Amino acid sequence: MFISIGIPVFNAEAYIADAVRSVFSQTHKNWELLLVDDGSTDRSLEIINSIRDPRVRVISDGLNKGLPFRLNQISQEARFEYLARMDADDLMSPRRLEKQLNFLVENPSFDLVTSGVCSITNNNFPAGFRIESNSLPISGKNLLLGRNQIVHAAILGRRTWFLRNPYDVSLRRTEDYELWLRSFSMGDFKVSVINEPLYYYREEGSATIEKLLAAYSSQRGLYKKFGPRYFTVIELNALFVKSFGKSAAVRLLKLVNKLDLIVRRRNQPILDRKMLAEFQEEINRVLSFSVSGL
């Protein structure tokens, strides 16, 4: 079975080559890779155009249309039944595609599957991990509260699901949560989680005040849109108060130069030396994988 892998690319010259290496290192070898440039102004397009492999397609129109637009474009351009997401600055475990594909083949009632993650620094050091053995049930209320394990970039799903559930191109920060909530509200959100860290998520420096404030603002928009379905007026007002409190807390953390605490809180520390060594060995294996042209 073949998988289409889609990577939207925007000014990712420092990491895109390694992201591509992690695709080539997969134990599952039947795939195509769609590299969709979103009007990069650095060397990203030059780097991905240098790859010499017939399984790789580079798509570029020179325009900056945003992530949701490019994700929809990937769904339309993909040639195969299964479609995997990935961000241009992350890495995949070599076992990711094989394990996720096997799950969907063996569980036809599900359309999507994601996984746990290992958080890595900009120099590829494992900094923490996220897996949940006792996950909360998928519900509109839990989705709106962000109480889920759904790692967007680690999603693999049936292409037909993405075609009938496109991203809202007007959103720039919460396009994933809006999609989950919208598809759930239509009874079309059959997702599962493999509780293994099959995705390496680069989070160092990701907690900027601009991104966080924009995300909280977008989240309040989702409260307005979906909140009345799942919460009383009093509960919904409390959510807005809490959200504005988060925005104030972020501004305070910025003043004391402690925004990194937000990322740390998301992850469990890696206290087991064997686990740390296994993460590092897998990362090193991915980074050393040879790709023609890179």
Protein backbone atom coordinates (compact mmCIF):
# COMPACT_ATOMS: atom_id res chain seq x y z
CA MET A 1 0.00 0.00 0.00
CA PHE A 2 1.18 3.47 -0.87
CA ILE A 3 1.10 6.59 1.29
CA SER A 4 1.21 10.23 0.23
CA ILE A 5 3.27 12.35 2.64
CA GLY A 6 2.67 16.08 2.56
CA ILE A 7 5.06 18.69 3.97
CA PRO A 8 4.16 22.38 3.67
CA VAL A 9 7.38 24.41 3.52
CA PHE A 10 7.86 28.02 4.52
CA ASN A 11 11.33 29.41 5.31
CA ALA A 12 12.56 26.12 6.76
CA GLU A 13 16.06 26.05 5.27
CA ALA A 14 17.65 25.04 8.59
CA TYR A 15 15.57 21.86 9.00
CA ILE A 16 13.83 20.78 5.79
CA ALA A 17 16.69 18.52 4.62
CA ASP A 18 16.53 16.54 7.86
CA ALA A 19 12.74 16.32 7.69
CA VAL A 20 13.12 14.79 4.21
CA ARG A 21 15.78 12.38 5.51
CA SER A 22 13.29 11.13 8.08
CA VAL A 23 10.86 10.32 5.26
CA PHE A 24 13.50 8.40 3.34
CA SER A 25 14.48 6.49 6.49
CA GLN A 26 11.01 4.96 6.90
CA THR A 27 10.66 1.18 7.18
CA HIS A 28 7.61 1.52 4.93
CA LYS A 29 9.05 2.30 1.50
CA ASN A 30 5.95 2.71 -0.67
CA TRP A 31 5.29 6.43 -0.61
CA GLU A 32 5.31 9.69 -2.51
CA LEU A 33 6.51 12.93 -0.92
CA LEU A 34 4.80 16.23 -1.71
CA LEU A 35 6.89 19.25 -0.76
CA VAL A 36 4.65 22.30 -1.11
CA ASP A 37 6.46 25.61 -0.86
CA ASP A 38 4.44 28.51 0.52
CA GLY A 39 6.41 31.38 -0.97
CA SER A 40 9.61 30.88 1.02
CA THR A 41 12.10 33.76 0.92
CA ASP A 42 15.10 31.76 2.15
CA ARG A 43 16.86 28.75 0.54
CA SER A 44 14.05 26.27 1.25
CA LEU A 45 12.91 25.99 -2.36
CA GLU A 46 16.47 25.61 -3.60
CA ILE A 47 17.09 22.80 -1.11
CA ILE A 48 13.98 20.78 -1.94
CA ASN A 49 14.51 21.25 -5.68
CA SER A 50 17.93 19.63 -5.30
CA ILE A 51 16.45 16.25 -4.28
CA ARG A 52 16.90 13.59 -6.95
CA ASP A 53 14.25 10.92 -6.45
CA PRO A 54 11.16 10.17 -8.59
CA ARG A 55 9.02 9.72 -5.47
CA VAL A 56 9.42 13.41 -4.59
CA ARG A 57 7.25 16.15 -6.07
CA VAL A 58 7.97 19.82 -5.43
CA ILE A 59 5.02 22.18 -5.84
CA SER A 60 5.63 25.93 -5.87
CA ASP A 61 3.65 28.90 -7.15
CA GLY A 62 5.76 31.60 -5.46
CA LEU A 63 2.86 32.79 -3.31
CA ASN A 64 2.35 32.87 0.46
CA LYS A 65 -1.17 31.53 0.96
CA GLY A 66 -0.86 30.13 4.48
CA LEU A 67 -0.79 26.70 6.07
CA PRO A 68 -4.50 25.79 5.81
CA PHE A 69 -4.51 26.53 2.06
CA ARG A 70 -1.41 24.37 1.54
CA LEU A 71 -2.85 21.50 3.60
CA ASN A 72 -5.95 21.49 1.41
CA GLN A 73 -3.72 21.62 -1.65
CA ILE A 74 -1.81 18.55 -0.43
CA SER A 75 -5.08 16.62 -0.05
CA GLN A 76 -6.03 17.52 -3.62
CA GLU A 77 -2.61 16.73 -5.10
CA ALA A 78 -2.06 13.43 -3.25
CA ARG A 79 -2.25 10.33 -5.43
CA PHE A 80 -2.80 7.63 -2.85
CA GLU A 81 -5.49 6.44 -0.45
CA TYR A 82 -3.55 7.26 2.72
CA LEU A 83 -2.18 10.70 3.55
CA ALA A 84 0.38 11.59 6.24
CA ARG A 85 1.04 15.06 7.67
CA MET A 86 4.42 16.41 8.70
CA ASP A 87 5.90 19.82 9.50
CA ALA A 88 9.03 21.02 7.73
CA ASP A 89 11.09 21.44 10.90
CA ASP A 90 10.29 18.08 12.52
CA LEU A 91 11.44 14.48 12.23
CA MET A 92 9.61 11.15 12.03
CA SER A 93 10.58 7.93 13.73
CA PRO A 94 11.48 5.40 10.99
CA ARG A 95 8.63 3.21 12.31
CA ARG A 96 5.94 5.89 12.11
CA LEU A 97 4.36 5.21 8.72
CA GLU A 98 4.45 1.43 9.08
CA LYS A 99 2.75 1.48 12.49
CA GLN A 100 0.12 4.05 11.61
CA LEU A 101 -0.73 2.43 8.28
CA ASN A 102 -1.07 -0.99 9.92
CA PHE A 103 -3.48 0.51 12.44
CA LEU A 104 -5.77 2.01 9.79
CA VAL A 105 -5.73 -1.17 7.70
CA GLU A 106 -6.61 -3.29 10.73
CA ASN A 107 -9.21 -0.78 12.02
CA PRO A 108 -11.38 0.29 9.07
CA SER A 109 -13.84 2.13 11.35
CA PHE A 110 -11.18 4.81 11.98
CA ASP A 111 -10.26 7.53 9.49
CA LEU A 112 -7.33 9.09 11.36
CA VAL A 113 -4.52 8.01 13.65
CA THR A 114 -1.89 10.08 15.40
CA SER A 115 0.86 9.25 17.90
CA GLY A 116 2.77 10.40 20.92
CA VAL A 117 5.71 12.74 20.41
CA CYS A 118 9.25 13.34 21.58
CA SER A 119 10.05 17.04 21.93
CA ILE A 120 13.47 17.97 20.53
CA THR A 121 15.63 21.06 20.74
CA ASN A 122 16.98 22.94 17.75
CA ASN A 123 20.17 20.86 17.93
CA ASN A 124 18.15 17.61 17.92
CA PHE A 125 18.45 16.72 21.61
CA PRO A 126 15.46 14.86 23.14
CA ALA A 127 13.98 17.27 25.70
CA GLY A 128 10.77 15.53 26.78
CA PHE A 129 7.91 13.37 25.57
CA ARG A 130 4.13 13.25 25.48
CA ILE A 131 2.12 10.04 25.70
CA GLU A 132 -1.07 9.45 27.65
CA SER A 133 -2.03 6.00 28.89
CA ASN A 134 -5.34 7.23 30.34
CA SER A 135 -6.67 9.53 27.64
CA LEU A 136 -10.01 11.27 27.94
CA PRO A 137 -12.78 10.29 25.52
CA ILE A 138 -13.16 12.31 22.35
CA SER A 139 -16.05 14.71 22.92
CA GLY A 140 -16.99 18.19 21.78
CA LYS A 141 -16.39 19.54 25.26
CA ASN A 142 -12.95 17.93 25.62
CA LEU A 143 -11.93 19.01 22.13
CA LEU A 144 -12.93 22.61 22.82
CA LEU A 145 -11.01 22.56 26.11
CA GLY A 146 -7.92 21.15 24.39
CA ARG A 147 -8.13 17.97 26.45
CA ASN A 148 -6.92 15.55 23.82
CA GLN A 149 -3.76 13.88 22.61
CA ILE A 150 -4.27 14.70 18.96
CA VAL A 151 -0.91 15.84 17.60
CA HIS A 152 -1.82 17.53 14.34
CA ALA A 153 1.48 17.14 12.50
CA ALA A 154 1.65 13.42 13.39
CA ILE A 155 -1.71 12.61 11.75
CA LEU A 156 -2.04 9.88 9.13
CA GLY A 157 -5.48 9.43 7.62
CA ARG A 158 -7.60 8.37 4.73
CA ARG A 159 -7.35 10.92 1.93
CA THR A 160 -11.13 10.82 1.43
CA TRP A 161 -11.59 12.17 4.97
CA PHE A 162 -9.41 15.21 4.26
CA LEU A 163 -11.21 15.87 0.98
CA ARG A 164 -14.61 15.97 2.65
CA ASN A 165 -13.29 17.90 5.67
CA PRO A 166 -11.11 20.73 4.31
CA TYR A 167 -9.29 23.22 6.54
CA ASP A 168 -10.74 26.69 7.00
CA VAL A 169 -8.31 28.89 5.04
CA SER A 170 -9.31 31.99 7.02
CA LEU A 171 -7.58 30.58 10.13
CA ARG A 172 -3.84 30.79 10.75
CA ARG A 173 -3.38 29.45 14.30
CA THR A 174 -6.24 27.10 15.18
CA GLU A 175 -7.01 25.48 11.83
CA ASP A 176 -6.53 22.02 13.35
CA TYR A 177 -8.80 22.50 16.38
CA GLU A 178 -11.50 24.09 14.22
CA LEU A 179 -11.33 21.12 11.87
CA TRP A 180 -11.58 18.60 14.72
CA LEU A 181 -14.57 20.42 16.22
CA ARG A 182 -16.35 20.89 12.90
CA SER A 183 -15.92 17.28 11.79
CA PHE A 184 -16.91 16.01 15.27
CA SER A 185 -20.07 18.11 15.17
CA MET A 186 -20.96 16.38 11.88
CA GLY A 187 -20.27 12.89 13.30
CA ASP A 188 -17.20 12.50 11.09
CA PHE A 189 -14.25 12.43 13.48
CA LYS A 190 -13.10 8.83 13.98
CA VAL A 191 -9.57 9.20 15.35
CA SER A 192 -7.27 7.07 17.48
CA VAL A 193 -3.87 7.53 19.11
CA ILE A 194 -0.88 5.20 19.12
CA ASN A 195 0.66 5.92 22.49
CA GLU A 196 4.23 5.69 21.29
CA PRO A 197 6.47 8.69 20.50
CA LEU A 198 6.66 8.15 16.73
CA TYR A 199 7.11 11.84 15.91
CA TYR A 200 9.91 14.25 16.86
CA TYR A 201 8.44 17.68 17.45
CA ARG A 202 10.77 20.69 17.39
CA GLU A 203 9.45 23.03 20.08
CA GLU A 204 12.44 25.09 21.23
CA GLY A 205 11.64 28.75 20.65
CA SER A 206 8.09 27.94 19.50
CA ALA A 207 6.46 29.73 22.44
CA THR A 208 6.69 33.30 21.17
CA ILE A 209 4.36 35.89 22.62
CA GLU A 210 2.97 36.70 19.17
CA LYS A 211 2.08 33.06 18.45
CA LEU A 212 0.59 32.45 21.88
CA LEU A 213 -1.56 35.58 21.93
CA ALA A 214 -2.78 34.87 18.41
CA ALA A 215 -3.61 31.29 19.39
CA TYR A 216 -5.58 32.38 22.47
CA SER A 217 -7.46 34.94 20.39
CA SER A 218 -8.32 32.31 17.78
CA GLN A 219 -9.37 29.92 20.52
CA ARG A 220 -11.84 32.49 21.82
CA GLY A 221 -13.28 32.59 18.32
CA LEU A 222 -13.86 28.84 18.56
CA TYR A 223 -15.55 29.32 21.94
CA LYS A 224 -18.00 31.67 20.27
CA LYS A 225 -18.61 29.31 17.35
CA PHE A 226 -18.85 25.95 19.11
CA GLY A 227 -19.16 26.76 22.82
CA PRO A 228 -22.96 27.16 22.98
CA ARG A 229 -23.32 23.52 21.84
CA TYR A 230 -21.43 22.11 24.80
CA PHE A 231 -21.46 24.66 27.66
CA THR A 232 -23.94 26.73 29.63
CA VAL A 233 -23.70 30.51 29.44
CA ILE A 234 -22.01 30.61 32.85
CA GLU A 235 -19.47 27.93 31.86
CA LEU A 236 -18.74 29.69 28.59
CA ASN A 237 -18.18 33.03 30.31
CA ALA A 238 -15.75 31.30 32.67
CA LEU A 239 -13.82 29.98 29.65
CA PHE A 240 -13.47 33.47 28.23
CA VAL A 241 -12.23 34.79 31.58
CA LYS A 242 -9.69 31.97 31.77
CA SER A 243 -8.53 32.62 28.21
CA PHE A 244 -7.97 36.32 28.84
CA GLY A 245 -6.14 35.31 32.04
CA LYS A 246 -3.81 33.12 29.95
CA SER A 247 -3.07 36.07 27.67
CA ALA A 248 -2.19 38.19 30.70
CA ALA A 249 0.01 35.39 32.10
CA VAL A 250 1.87 35.11 28.79
CA ARG A 251 2.63 38.83 28.83
CA LEU A 252 3.95 38.46 32.38
CA LEU A 253 6.12 35.47 31.46
CA LYS A 254 7.50 37.46 28.54
CA LEU A 255 8.51 40.26 30.91
CA VAL A 256 10.50 37.84 33.08
CA ASN A 257 11.86 35.92 30.08
CA LYS A 258 10.17 32.64 31.08
CA LEU A 259 8.01 31.78 28.07
CA ASP A 260 9.86 28.46 27.74
CA LEU A 261 7.98 27.26 30.84
CA ILE A 262 4.88 26.86 28.67
CA VAL A 263 6.60 24.32 26.42
CA ARG A 264 8.11 22.47 29.38
CA ARG A 265 4.69 22.02 30.97
CA ARG A 266 3.45 20.16 27.91
CA ASN A 267 6.03 17.39 28.22
CA GLN A 268 7.12 14.70 30.60
CA PRO A 269 10.85 14.81 31.39
CA ILE A 270 13.01 11.98 30.09
CA LEU A 271 14.35 10.51 33.33
CA ASP A 272 15.11 7.02 32.02
CA ARG A 273 18.64 6.90 30.55
CA LYS A 274 17.73 3.94 28.34
CA MET A 275 14.79 5.87 26.85
CA LEU A 276 17.00 8.91 26.28
CA ALA A 277 19.62 6.76 24.56
CA GLU A 278 16.99 5.14 22.34
CA PHE A 279 15.61 8.51 21.28
CA GLN A 280 19.08 9.82 20.49
CA GLU A 281 20.07 6.69 18.57
CA GLU A 282 16.94 6.90 16.42
CA ILE A 283 17.46 10.62 15.76
CA ASN A 284 21.08 10.02 14.76
CA ARG A 285 20.03 7.22 12.42
CA VAL A 286 17.55 9.53 10.71
CA LEU A 287 19.98 12.42 10.38
CA SER A 288 22.64 10.20 8.81
CA PHE A 289 20.32 8.76 6.17
CA SER A 290 21.56 9.43 2.63
CA VAL A 291 19.28 11.25 0.18
CA SER A 292 20.42 11.91 -3.38
CA GLY A 293 20.91 15.64 -3.91
CA LEU A 294 20.98 16.66 -0.25
